[in-house]
Amino acid sequence: MRADHTLTKRGKRTPVDCGDLPFLIRRDGTWLYRGSPIGRKSMVCLFASVLKRDAEGQFLLETPAERGRIDVEDAPFVAVEVDWVGVGRDQVLNFRINTDQTIAAGAEHPLRIAHDMLTCEPTPYLLVRNGDGMFPIEARISRSVYYELVALAEPGIKFGKNVLGVWSQGVFFSLGELSPCGD
């Protein structure tokens, strides 16, 4: 056993903390290493497979041996395509993210809409996987995919408000409030 590792109570190794790593994930999903784009998708997929999020919300690349913090401009993944089967409550929305993983929206992978504090512009996200604590790892839904969701949307009620939303795996996801008639 190497001296720079510590063991937990269960005998698992704690990875060595390498501090800040020279990685950046841009808002458009481009992964950079030392300021240069990583051109091989297989390398991006490999790094994405060891991407974690700690209890403080920091993004990490973590293997059993080492871990280090990386910078992420928004979300580490981008939903670049949506396909759907069924209608209404029986509809299933399948999203393909930029690492070619397919994720079906539903109770385990909910959609959420954030709004820019200055412009109120909506930005939709899909939960890819949980992080440690309250900070998830998400995919930002691209604008073109969001427009497809809007085209599939139907009126509904969420938290007592009239909204436009979409169904997936029996869960209704609000895309935004409907304005009262005449506004």
Protein backbone atom coordinates (compact mmCIF):
# COMPACT_ATOMS: atom_id res chain seq x y z
CA MET A 1 0.00 0.00 0.00
CA ARG A 2 1.27 3.48 -0.88
CA ALA A 3 1.91 5.83 2.01
CA ASP A 4 -0.03 8.73 0.42
CA HIS A 5 -3.37 6.91 0.65
CA THR A 6 -5.50 6.63 3.76
CA LEU A 7 -7.94 3.86 4.52
CA THR A 8 -11.52 4.38 5.61
CA LYS A 9 -13.19 2.21 8.25
CA ARG A 10 -14.35 -0.20 5.54
CA GLY A 11 -10.83 -0.60 4.15
CA LYS A 12 -11.52 1.56 1.08
CA ARG A 13 -8.75 3.78 -0.13
CA THR A 14 -9.29 7.53 -0.05
CA PRO A 15 -8.01 9.07 -3.30
CA VAL A 16 -5.04 11.45 -3.12
CA ASP A 17 -6.17 15.09 -3.50
CA CYS A 18 -4.37 16.61 -6.49
CA GLY A 19 -5.86 20.10 -5.97
CA ASP A 20 -7.00 22.09 -8.99
CA LEU A 21 -6.67 20.32 -12.34
CA PRO A 22 -6.28 22.30 -15.61
CA PHE A 23 -9.69 21.26 -16.98
CA LEU A 24 -12.60 23.49 -17.94
CA ILE A 25 -15.99 22.44 -19.25
CA ARG A 26 -17.51 25.28 -21.25
CA ARG A 27 -21.19 26.13 -21.31
CA ASP A 28 -21.47 24.57 -24.79
CA GLY A 29 -20.18 21.21 -23.46
CA THR A 30 -16.62 21.56 -24.82
CA TRP A 31 -14.01 20.04 -22.52
CA LEU A 32 -10.68 21.91 -22.38
CA TYR A 33 -7.36 20.71 -20.99
CA ARG A 34 -4.85 23.50 -20.39
CA GLY A 35 -6.96 25.79 -22.57
CA SER A 36 -7.11 23.42 -25.57
CA PRO A 37 -10.22 21.48 -26.60
CA ILE A 38 -10.09 17.73 -26.05
CA GLY A 39 -10.73 16.53 -29.59
CA ARG A 40 -11.20 12.82 -28.99
CA LYS A 41 -14.75 12.09 -27.87
CA SER A 42 -13.58 8.83 -26.29
CA MET A 43 -11.32 10.84 -23.95
CA VAL A 44 -14.18 13.20 -23.03
CA CYS A 45 -16.39 10.18 -22.30
CA LEU A 46 -13.66 8.64 -20.14
CA PHE A 47 -13.26 11.83 -18.09
CA ALA A 48 -17.04 12.22 -17.89
CA SER A 49 -17.31 8.72 -16.41
CA VAL A 50 -15.21 9.79 -13.39
CA LEU A 51 -16.88 13.19 -12.96
CA LYS A 52 -18.23 13.72 -9.44
CA ARG A 53 -19.69 16.62 -7.48
CA ASP A 54 -18.82 17.06 -3.81
CA ALA A 55 -21.00 18.27 -0.93
CA GLU A 56 -19.76 21.85 -1.46
CA GLY A 57 -20.84 21.82 -5.11
CA GLN A 58 -17.34 21.58 -6.61
CA PHE A 59 -16.80 19.37 -9.65
CA LEU A 60 -14.13 16.70 -9.38
CA LEU A 61 -12.49 14.12 -11.57
CA GLU A 62 -12.07 11.17 -9.22
CA THR A 63 -10.53 7.75 -9.72
CA PRO A 64 -9.91 5.22 -6.93
CA ALA A 65 -6.35 6.60 -6.67
CA GLU A 66 -6.61 10.36 -7.29
CA ARG A 67 -9.02 13.26 -7.41
CA GLY A 68 -8.84 16.91 -8.40
CA ARG A 69 -11.15 19.88 -8.83
CA ILE A 70 -12.13 21.17 -12.26
CA ASP A 71 -13.99 24.26 -13.47
CA VAL A 72 -17.42 24.06 -15.09
CA GLU A 73 -19.03 27.18 -16.59
CA ASP A 74 -22.62 25.96 -16.26
CA ALA A 75 -23.51 22.26 -16.39
CA PRO A 76 -20.95 19.63 -17.41
CA PHE A 77 -23.24 18.05 -20.01
CA VAL A 78 -25.56 19.30 -22.74
CA ALA A 79 -28.74 17.54 -23.86
CA VAL A 80 -28.39 17.70 -27.65
CA GLU A 81 -31.35 15.59 -28.76
CA VAL A 82 -34.73 14.41 -27.53
CA ASP A 83 -36.79 11.51 -28.78
CA TRP A 84 -40.18 10.55 -27.41
CA VAL A 85 -42.62 7.69 -27.49
CA GLY A 86 -46.23 7.70 -26.37
CA VAL A 87 -48.52 10.61 -25.54
CA GLY A 88 -49.76 12.32 -22.39
CA ARG A 89 -49.03 10.54 -19.12
CA ASP A 90 -47.65 7.56 -21.06
CA GLN A 91 -45.09 9.67 -22.92
CA VAL A 92 -41.38 9.02 -22.31
CA LEU A 93 -38.82 11.67 -23.20
CA ASN A 94 -35.39 10.23 -23.97
CA PHE A 95 -32.54 12.75 -24.03
CA ARG A 96 -29.16 12.15 -25.65
CA ILE A 97 -26.39 14.13 -24.00
CA ASN A 98 -23.13 15.22 -25.62
CA THR A 99 -21.33 12.08 -24.37
CA ASP A 100 -23.94 9.93 -26.19
CA GLN A 101 -25.54 8.72 -22.96
CA THR A 102 -29.33 8.43 -23.21
CA ILE A 103 -31.40 9.45 -20.19
CA ALA A 104 -35.18 9.11 -19.83
CA ALA A 105 -36.71 12.02 -17.93
CA GLY A 106 -38.85 10.96 -14.99
CA ALA A 107 -38.87 10.78 -11.21
CA GLU A 108 -35.20 9.67 -11.08
CA HIS A 109 -34.09 12.13 -13.78
CA PRO A 110 -36.28 15.21 -13.39
CA LEU A 111 -36.32 18.31 -15.56
CA ARG A 112 -36.03 21.73 -13.97
CA ILE A 113 -36.16 25.27 -15.31
CA ALA A 114 -33.88 28.01 -13.95
CA HIS A 115 -34.42 31.66 -14.84
CA ASP A 116 -31.69 34.24 -15.44
CA MET A 117 -31.95 36.82 -12.66
CA LEU A 118 -31.53 39.77 -15.06
CA THR A 119 -33.35 38.66 -18.19
CA CYS A 120 -35.76 36.06 -16.72
CA GLU A 121 -34.78 33.85 -19.68
CA PRO A 122 -35.48 30.17 -18.90
CA THR A 123 -32.68 27.62 -18.91
CA PRO A 124 -33.81 23.99 -18.69
CA TYR A 125 -31.76 21.21 -17.07
CA LEU A 126 -31.97 17.42 -16.81
CA LEU A 127 -30.60 15.52 -13.81
CA VAL A 128 -27.90 13.14 -15.06
CA ARG A 129 -26.88 11.73 -11.68
CA ASN A 130 -26.73 12.77 -8.06
CA GLY A 131 -23.67 14.32 -6.53
CA ASP A 132 -22.65 14.19 -2.89
CA GLY A 133 -24.98 16.30 -0.80
CA MET A 134 -27.53 18.58 -2.45
CA PHE A 135 -25.62 19.42 -5.65
CA PRO A 136 -26.56 17.26 -8.67
CA ILE A 137 -24.73 16.66 -11.92
CA GLU A 138 -26.93 18.00 -14.70
CA ALA A 139 -27.15 18.48 -18.43
CA ARG A 140 -28.24 21.86 -19.74
CA ILE A 141 -30.91 21.30 -22.37
CA SER A 142 -29.88 22.98 -25.63
CA ARG A 143 -32.10 25.70 -27.06
CA SER A 144 -33.22 23.58 -30.04
CA VAL A 145 -34.17 20.67 -27.75
CA TYR A 146 -36.04 23.08 -25.45
CA TYR A 147 -38.06 24.30 -28.44
CA GLU A 148 -38.96 20.68 -29.22
CA LEU A 149 -40.20 20.31 -25.63
CA VAL A 150 -42.29 23.47 -25.99
CA ALA A 151 -43.82 22.01 -29.18
CA LEU A 152 -44.76 18.86 -27.19
CA ALA A 153 -46.07 20.81 -24.20
CA GLU A 154 -49.63 20.87 -22.98
CA PRO A 155 -51.44 22.94 -20.36
CA GLY A 156 -51.47 21.64 -16.80
CA ILE A 157 -51.43 22.70 -13.18
CA LYS A 158 -48.32 22.64 -11.01
CA PHE A 159 -48.30 23.97 -7.44
CA GLY A 160 -51.75 25.51 -8.07
CA LYS A 161 -50.59 27.51 -11.09
CA ASN A 162 -51.57 27.17 -14.75
CA VAL A 163 -48.45 26.05 -16.59
CA LEU A 164 -47.31 24.64 -19.90
CA GLY A 165 -45.44 21.39 -19.43
CA VAL A 166 -44.48 17.95 -20.68
CA TRP A 167 -45.06 14.42 -19.41
CA SER A 168 -42.39 11.76 -19.10
CA GLN A 169 -42.76 8.42 -17.31
CA GLY A 170 -45.94 9.60 -15.58
CA VAL A 171 -44.38 12.81 -14.20
CA PHE A 172 -45.52 16.25 -15.36
CA PHE A 173 -42.70 18.81 -15.72
CA SER A 174 -43.56 22.50 -15.91
CA LEU A 175 -41.82 24.52 -18.62
CA GLY A 176 -43.31 27.78 -17.38
CA GLU A 177 -46.43 29.60 -16.23
CA LEU A 178 -49.22 30.43 -18.65
CA SER A 179 -50.19 34.10 -18.76
CA PRO A 180 -53.79 34.93 -17.99
CA CYS A 181 -55.86 35.74 -21.10
CA GLY A 182 -55.53 39.33 -22.26
CA ASP A 183 -51.93 39.89 -21.14
